[in-house]
N, C-alpha and C. Protein backbone atom coordinates (compact mmCIF):
# COMPACT_ATOMS: atom_id res chain seq x y z
N MET A 1 0.83 -1.20 -0.01
CA MET A 1 -0.02 0.02 -0.04
C MET A 1 0.86 1.26 -0.08
N LYS A 2 1.93 1.21 0.79
CA LYS A 2 2.86 2.35 0.88
C LYS A 2 3.46 2.71 -0.50
N TYR A 3 3.84 1.61 -1.24
CA TYR A 3 4.46 1.83 -2.62
C TYR A 3 3.42 2.50 -3.57
N ARG A 4 2.19 1.98 -3.49
CA ARG A 4 1.17 2.53 -4.33
C ARG A 4 0.97 4.08 -4.15
N PHE A 5 1.06 4.47 -2.88
CA PHE A 5 0.90 5.86 -2.56
C PHE A 5 2.06 6.66 -3.14
N LEU A 6 3.30 6.08 -3.03
CA LEU A 6 4.48 6.79 -3.55
C LEU A 6 4.51 6.84 -5.05
N ILE A 7 3.99 5.75 -5.71
CA ILE A 7 3.86 5.80 -7.12
C ILE A 7 2.85 6.88 -7.66
N PHE A 8 1.71 6.91 -6.83
CA PHE A 8 0.64 7.86 -7.22
C PHE A 8 1.23 9.36 -7.08
N ILE A 9 2.03 9.62 -5.99
CA ILE A 9 2.59 10.92 -5.80
C ILE A 9 3.60 11.23 -6.95
N ALA A 10 4.44 10.27 -7.30
CA ALA A 10 5.37 10.48 -8.37
C ALA A 10 4.68 10.73 -9.69
N ILE A 11 3.69 9.97 -10.00
CA ILE A 11 2.90 10.24 -11.19
C ILE A 11 2.22 11.61 -11.23
N LEU A 12 1.66 11.94 -10.05
CA LEU A 12 0.92 13.27 -9.91
C LEU A 12 1.88 14.44 -10.18
N PHE A 13 3.05 14.35 -9.48
CA PHE A 13 4.03 15.53 -9.66
C PHE A 13 4.76 15.42 -11.02
N GLY A 14 4.94 14.19 -11.52
CA GLY A 14 5.62 14.07 -12.79
C GLY A 14 4.71 14.59 -13.93
N CYS A 15 3.42 14.53 -13.85
CA CYS A 15 2.47 14.97 -14.94
C CYS A 15 2.01 16.39 -14.68
N SER A 16 2.27 17.01 -13.54
CA SER A 16 1.74 18.31 -13.25
C SER A 16 2.30 19.44 -14.10
N GLU A 17 3.56 19.18 -14.62
CA GLU A 17 4.14 20.23 -15.44
C GLU A 17 4.55 19.59 -16.73
N THR A 18 4.17 20.19 -17.83
CA THR A 18 4.70 19.66 -19.12
C THR A 18 5.62 20.65 -19.66
N GLU A 19 6.76 20.18 -19.96
CA GLU A 19 7.91 21.03 -20.52
C GLU A 19 7.99 20.85 -22.01
N SER A 20 8.23 21.84 -22.65
CA SER A 20 8.51 21.80 -24.16
C SER A 20 10.01 21.71 -24.21
N ILE A 21 10.41 20.48 -24.52
CA ILE A 21 11.89 20.30 -24.65
C ILE A 21 12.28 20.26 -26.18
N THR A 22 13.03 21.18 -26.68
CA THR A 22 13.51 21.25 -27.97
C THR A 22 14.92 20.60 -28.05
N LYS A 23 15.10 19.49 -28.84
CA LYS A 23 16.29 18.92 -28.98
C LYS A 23 17.25 19.81 -29.73
N GLN A 24 18.36 20.09 -29.08
CA GLN A 24 19.38 20.95 -29.68
C GLN A 24 20.21 20.10 -30.62
N ILE A 25 20.26 20.56 -31.93
CA ILE A 25 21.04 19.87 -32.85
C ILE A 25 22.30 20.65 -33.29
N PRO A 26 23.37 19.94 -33.65
CA PRO A 26 24.56 20.68 -34.05
C PRO A 26 24.40 21.77 -35.07
N LEU A 27 25.03 22.89 -34.85
CA LEU A 27 25.03 24.04 -35.79
C LEU A 27 25.69 23.65 -37.09
N GLU A 28 26.71 22.82 -37.03
CA GLU A 28 27.41 22.45 -38.34
C GLU A 28 26.49 21.82 -39.27
N GLY A 29 26.69 22.18 -40.57
CA GLY A 29 25.88 21.66 -41.62
C GLY A 29 25.28 22.83 -42.44
N LYS A 30 24.33 22.47 -43.30
CA LYS A 30 23.76 23.44 -44.21
C LYS A 30 22.30 23.75 -43.78
N TRP A 31 21.97 25.16 -43.92
CA TRP A 31 20.66 25.62 -43.48
C TRP A 31 20.26 26.48 -44.71
N VAL A 32 18.88 26.32 -45.02
CA VAL A 32 18.34 27.07 -46.06
C VAL A 32 17.21 28.06 -45.56
N GLU A 33 17.23 29.25 -46.18
CA GLU A 33 16.25 30.32 -45.75
C GLU A 33 14.85 29.87 -46.30
N VAL A 34 13.84 29.86 -45.39
CA VAL A 34 12.62 29.22 -45.69
C VAL A 34 11.72 29.98 -46.66
N ASN A 35 11.78 31.25 -46.84
CA ASN A 35 10.91 32.04 -47.70
C ASN A 35 11.36 31.89 -49.14
N THR A 36 12.66 32.34 -49.36
CA THR A 36 13.06 32.21 -50.82
C THR A 36 13.62 30.96 -51.18
N GLN A 37 14.13 30.13 -50.29
CA GLN A 37 14.79 28.83 -50.44
C GLN A 37 15.98 28.96 -51.41
N THR A 38 16.61 30.10 -51.47
CA THR A 38 17.74 30.36 -52.28
C THR A 38 19.00 30.67 -51.53
N ASP A 39 18.86 31.21 -50.39
CA ASP A 39 20.04 31.64 -49.56
C ASP A 39 20.33 30.47 -48.55
N THR A 40 21.61 30.15 -48.46
CA THR A 40 22.01 29.13 -47.55
C THR A 40 23.16 29.57 -46.68
N LEU A 41 23.19 28.95 -45.49
CA LEU A 41 24.31 29.15 -44.50
C LEU A 41 24.89 27.74 -44.27
N THR A 42 26.22 27.66 -44.40
CA THR A 42 26.85 26.40 -44.09
C THR A 42 27.88 26.71 -42.96
N PHE A 43 27.70 26.07 -41.88
CA PHE A 43 28.67 26.18 -40.80
C PHE A 43 29.56 25.05 -40.79
N GLY A 44 30.83 25.26 -40.65
CA GLY A 44 31.78 24.05 -40.61
C GLY A 44 33.25 24.55 -40.59
N ASN A 45 34.08 23.55 -40.72
CA ASN A 45 35.54 23.82 -40.77
C ASN A 45 36.03 23.82 -42.16
N PHE A 46 36.46 24.99 -42.54
CA PHE A 46 36.94 25.20 -43.92
C PHE A 46 38.46 25.51 -43.88
N GLU A 47 39.21 24.61 -44.32
CA GLU A 47 40.70 24.69 -44.31
C GLU A 47 41.21 25.05 -42.91
N GLY A 48 40.73 24.28 -41.91
CA GLY A 48 41.22 24.43 -40.53
C GLY A 48 40.64 25.59 -39.82
N GLN A 49 39.68 26.29 -40.25
CA GLN A 49 39.09 27.41 -39.60
C GLN A 49 37.54 27.25 -39.54
N GLU A 50 36.96 27.50 -38.32
CA GLU A 50 35.48 27.45 -38.21
C GLU A 50 34.91 28.67 -38.84
N LEU A 51 34.17 28.52 -39.88
CA LEU A 51 33.59 29.62 -40.58
C LEU A 51 32.03 29.28 -40.98
N MET A 52 31.36 30.37 -41.36
CA MET A 52 30.02 30.25 -41.88
C MET A 52 30.05 30.74 -43.37
N ASN A 53 29.60 29.91 -44.24
CA ASN A 53 29.62 30.35 -45.65
C ASN A 53 28.12 30.71 -46.08
N LEU A 54 27.99 31.89 -46.54
CA LEU A 54 26.67 32.43 -47.02
C LEU A 54 26.65 32.15 -48.52
N GLY A 55 25.76 31.26 -48.97
CA GLY A 55 25.56 31.01 -50.39
C GLY A 55 24.30 31.69 -50.96
N ARG A 56 24.47 32.58 -51.85
CA ARG A 56 23.31 33.38 -52.45
C ARG A 56 23.11 33.20 -53.97
N GLY A 57 23.81 32.39 -54.54
CA GLY A 57 23.66 32.26 -55.97
C GLY A 57 24.52 33.37 -56.74
N LYS A 58 24.25 33.44 -58.06
CA LYS A 58 24.99 34.43 -58.91
C LYS A 58 24.03 35.38 -59.60
N GLU A 59 24.60 36.52 -60.00
CA GLU A 59 23.82 37.44 -60.73
C GLU A 59 24.72 38.11 -61.77
N MET A 60 24.06 38.68 -62.78
CA MET A 60 24.83 39.40 -63.90
C MET A 60 25.15 40.79 -63.43
N SER A 61 26.41 41.21 -63.70
CA SER A 61 26.84 42.53 -63.48
C SER A 61 27.84 42.96 -64.51
N ASP A 62 27.57 43.94 -65.30
CA ASP A 62 28.42 44.38 -66.39
C ASP A 62 28.73 43.21 -67.30
N GLY A 63 27.84 42.37 -67.62
CA GLY A 63 28.06 41.28 -68.53
C GLY A 63 28.75 40.04 -67.94
N ALA A 64 29.07 40.12 -66.62
CA ALA A 64 29.75 38.98 -66.00
C ALA A 64 28.83 38.38 -64.93
N LEU A 65 28.91 37.08 -64.83
CA LEU A 65 28.18 36.31 -63.86
C LEU A 65 28.96 36.35 -62.54
N ILE A 66 28.56 36.97 -61.46
CA ILE A 66 29.37 37.02 -60.23
C ILE A 66 28.46 36.64 -59.03
N PRO A 67 29.09 36.24 -57.94
CA PRO A 67 28.36 35.91 -56.76
C PRO A 67 27.47 37.16 -56.27
N LYS A 68 26.27 36.83 -55.76
CA LYS A 68 25.47 37.93 -55.24
C LYS A 68 26.16 38.58 -54.04
N ARG A 69 25.78 39.93 -53.83
CA ARG A 69 26.35 40.71 -52.74
C ARG A 69 26.39 40.01 -51.45
N ARG A 70 27.48 40.18 -50.77
CA ARG A 70 27.76 39.69 -49.38
C ARG A 70 27.84 38.15 -49.30
N SER A 71 27.92 37.49 -50.44
CA SER A 71 28.14 35.96 -50.43
C SER A 71 29.57 35.74 -49.93
N GLY A 72 29.73 34.51 -49.38
CA GLY A 72 31.10 34.18 -49.04
C GLY A 72 31.17 33.77 -47.60
N PHE A 73 32.48 33.77 -47.13
CA PHE A 73 32.83 33.25 -45.81
C PHE A 73 32.73 34.40 -44.77
N TYR A 74 32.27 33.97 -43.62
CA TYR A 74 32.21 34.88 -42.39
C TYR A 74 32.91 34.15 -41.26
N GLU A 75 33.77 34.85 -40.55
CA GLU A 75 34.16 34.37 -39.22
C GLU A 75 33.00 34.67 -38.28
N TYR A 76 32.83 33.82 -37.39
CA TYR A 76 31.70 34.00 -36.42
C TYR A 76 32.06 33.61 -34.98
N GLN A 77 31.32 34.23 -34.06
CA GLN A 77 31.44 33.94 -32.63
C GLN A 77 30.01 33.89 -32.05
N LEU A 78 29.67 32.84 -31.45
CA LEU A 78 28.35 32.74 -30.82
C LEU A 78 28.44 33.44 -29.44
N LEU A 79 27.63 34.35 -29.24
CA LEU A 79 27.59 35.11 -27.97
C LEU A 79 26.47 34.73 -27.12
N SER A 80 26.52 35.08 -25.87
CA SER A 80 25.35 34.84 -24.99
C SER A 80 24.26 35.82 -25.39
N ASN A 81 23.14 35.77 -24.75
CA ASN A 81 21.98 36.54 -25.01
C ASN A 81 21.50 36.53 -26.43
N ASP A 82 21.49 35.36 -27.06
CA ASP A 82 20.95 35.23 -28.47
C ASP A 82 21.59 36.18 -29.48
N GLN A 83 22.81 36.16 -29.58
CA GLN A 83 23.56 36.97 -30.56
C GLN A 83 24.70 36.21 -31.29
N ILE A 84 24.98 36.60 -32.47
CA ILE A 84 26.15 36.06 -33.17
C ILE A 84 26.93 37.23 -33.62
N SER A 85 28.26 37.13 -33.57
CA SER A 85 29.10 38.26 -34.01
C SER A 85 29.76 37.77 -35.32
N LEU A 86 29.64 38.57 -36.42
CA LEU A 86 30.09 38.20 -37.72
C LEU A 86 31.09 39.14 -38.33
N HIS A 87 32.02 38.65 -39.06
CA HIS A 87 33.05 39.38 -39.76
C HIS A 87 33.16 38.74 -41.17
N TRP A 88 32.79 39.50 -42.23
CA TRP A 88 32.85 38.99 -43.61
C TRP A 88 34.35 39.04 -43.97
N VAL A 89 34.90 37.90 -44.34
CA VAL A 89 36.34 37.77 -44.61
C VAL A 89 36.77 38.58 -45.79
N PHE A 90 35.79 39.01 -46.73
CA PHE A 90 36.23 39.81 -47.86
C PHE A 90 36.18 41.30 -47.55
N SER A 91 35.87 41.69 -46.38
CA SER A 91 35.78 43.12 -45.96
C SER A 91 37.12 43.71 -45.58
N ALA A 92 37.32 44.94 -46.07
CA ALA A 92 38.54 45.63 -45.64
C ALA A 92 38.48 45.94 -44.10
N ASN A 93 37.26 46.06 -43.58
CA ASN A 93 37.08 46.43 -42.15
C ASN A 93 37.25 45.15 -41.37
N SER A 94 38.00 45.20 -40.27
CA SER A 94 38.24 44.04 -39.49
C SER A 94 37.27 43.86 -38.31
N ALA A 95 36.34 44.72 -38.21
CA ALA A 95 35.41 44.72 -37.06
C ALA A 95 34.33 43.60 -37.25
N PHE A 96 33.92 43.04 -36.09
CA PHE A 96 32.81 42.16 -36.01
C PHE A 96 31.59 42.88 -35.74
N ASN A 97 30.45 42.47 -36.22
CA ASN A 97 29.12 43.07 -35.94
C ASN A 97 28.22 42.02 -35.33
N ASN A 98 27.38 42.51 -34.40
CA ASN A 98 26.56 41.62 -33.69
C ASN A 98 25.12 41.60 -34.30
N TYR A 99 24.52 40.34 -34.39
CA TYR A 99 23.20 40.25 -34.83
C TYR A 99 22.37 39.28 -33.99
N TYR A 100 21.09 39.41 -33.97
CA TYR A 100 20.25 38.43 -33.31
C TYR A 100 20.35 37.13 -33.95
N PHE A 101 20.47 36.01 -33.02
CA PHE A 101 20.68 34.68 -33.57
C PHE A 101 20.06 33.75 -32.50
N LYS A 102 19.13 32.94 -32.93
CA LYS A 102 18.49 31.92 -32.02
C LYS A 102 18.25 30.67 -32.74
N GLN A 103 18.85 29.59 -32.27
CA GLN A 103 18.62 28.28 -32.77
C GLN A 103 17.65 27.53 -31.90
N SER A 104 16.66 26.87 -32.44
CA SER A 104 15.73 26.08 -31.75
C SER A 104 15.53 24.77 -32.55
N GLY A 105 16.23 23.67 -32.18
CA GLY A 105 16.10 22.56 -32.94
C GLY A 105 16.67 22.73 -34.34
N ASP A 106 15.91 22.32 -35.39
CA ASP A 106 16.38 22.48 -36.76
C ASP A 106 15.95 23.74 -37.35
N SER A 107 15.61 24.76 -36.51
CA SER A 107 15.20 26.10 -37.03
C SER A 107 16.13 27.10 -36.50
N LEU A 108 16.49 28.07 -37.23
CA LEU A 108 17.43 29.13 -36.88
C LEU A 108 16.81 30.56 -37.29
N LEU A 109 16.73 31.36 -36.32
CA LEU A 109 16.19 32.70 -36.52
C LEU A 109 17.39 33.71 -36.55
N LEU A 110 17.63 34.51 -37.55
CA LEU A 110 18.81 35.31 -37.66
C LEU A 110 18.42 36.60 -38.25
N GLU A 111 18.94 37.64 -37.58
CA GLU A 111 18.72 39.00 -38.04
C GLU A 111 19.34 39.17 -39.42
N ASN A 112 18.67 39.80 -40.39
CA ASN A 112 19.12 40.02 -41.68
C ASN A 112 20.36 40.88 -41.73
N PHE A 113 21.47 40.30 -42.18
CA PHE A 113 22.78 41.06 -42.11
C PHE A 113 23.35 41.24 -43.55
N TYR A 114 22.63 40.72 -44.60
CA TYR A 114 23.21 40.70 -45.99
C TYR A 114 22.27 41.21 -47.02
N ASP A 115 21.02 41.23 -46.88
CA ASP A 115 20.11 41.57 -48.04
C ASP A 115 19.33 42.83 -47.69
N ASN A 116 19.73 43.97 -48.33
CA ASN A 116 19.02 45.25 -48.15
C ASN A 116 17.71 45.28 -48.85
N PHE A 117 17.50 44.36 -49.81
CA PHE A 117 16.29 44.39 -50.61
C PHE A 117 15.12 43.63 -49.95
N THR A 118 15.37 42.89 -48.82
CA THR A 118 14.32 42.15 -48.15
C THR A 118 13.77 42.95 -47.09
N SER A 119 12.50 43.06 -47.01
CA SER A 119 11.80 43.86 -46.01
C SER A 119 11.90 43.32 -44.56
N SER A 120 12.11 41.94 -44.46
CA SER A 120 12.15 41.38 -43.19
C SER A 120 13.45 41.58 -42.49
N SER A 121 13.38 41.83 -41.21
CA SER A 121 14.63 42.11 -40.40
C SER A 121 15.05 40.84 -39.81
N LEU A 122 14.18 39.79 -39.66
CA LEU A 122 14.48 38.48 -39.13
C LEU A 122 14.33 37.50 -40.28
N LEU A 123 15.27 36.56 -40.51
CA LEU A 123 15.13 35.47 -41.53
C LEU A 123 15.11 34.12 -40.76
N THR A 124 14.31 33.25 -41.20
CA THR A 124 14.20 31.91 -40.64
C THR A 124 14.94 30.93 -41.60
N PHE A 125 15.82 30.08 -41.05
CA PHE A 125 16.54 29.07 -41.79
C PHE A 125 16.12 27.74 -41.20
N LYS A 126 16.06 26.65 -42.03
CA LYS A 126 15.85 25.27 -41.62
C LYS A 126 17.07 24.52 -41.96
N LYS A 127 17.42 23.58 -41.09
CA LYS A 127 18.58 22.70 -41.36
C LYS A 127 18.22 21.67 -42.36
N ILE A 128 19.07 21.45 -43.34
CA ILE A 128 18.77 20.47 -44.41
C ILE A 128 19.80 19.31 -44.43
N ASN A 129 20.91 19.48 -43.73
CA ASN A 129 21.81 18.34 -43.49
C ASN A 129 22.79 18.61 -42.40
């Protein structure tokens, strides 16, 4: 009888709170922006350095096919309080800039740092591998 009471209490307290637990998955890999599905972020080790690669496709400029603006590699540092610090490796400026960044499972919410033509200030990416 004593054990039944303890089991009842454990079940009662165990079921009284439901927690939404989101499984944290590794940041490494490829992420695609969900609205346009053309912009990608790839986090990984590139020639011995942890970098993020922004893939945006190509566009015509003065008759030449070139990568879209701000494509390429970024040094990054994950900061506390939902921020990421980025430095575009092709920039003459060596400063890092901070942006909102929150990963929740296979979804990533990131402040728009590269596309001035998009009205959204926050972009959502989904992990694809």
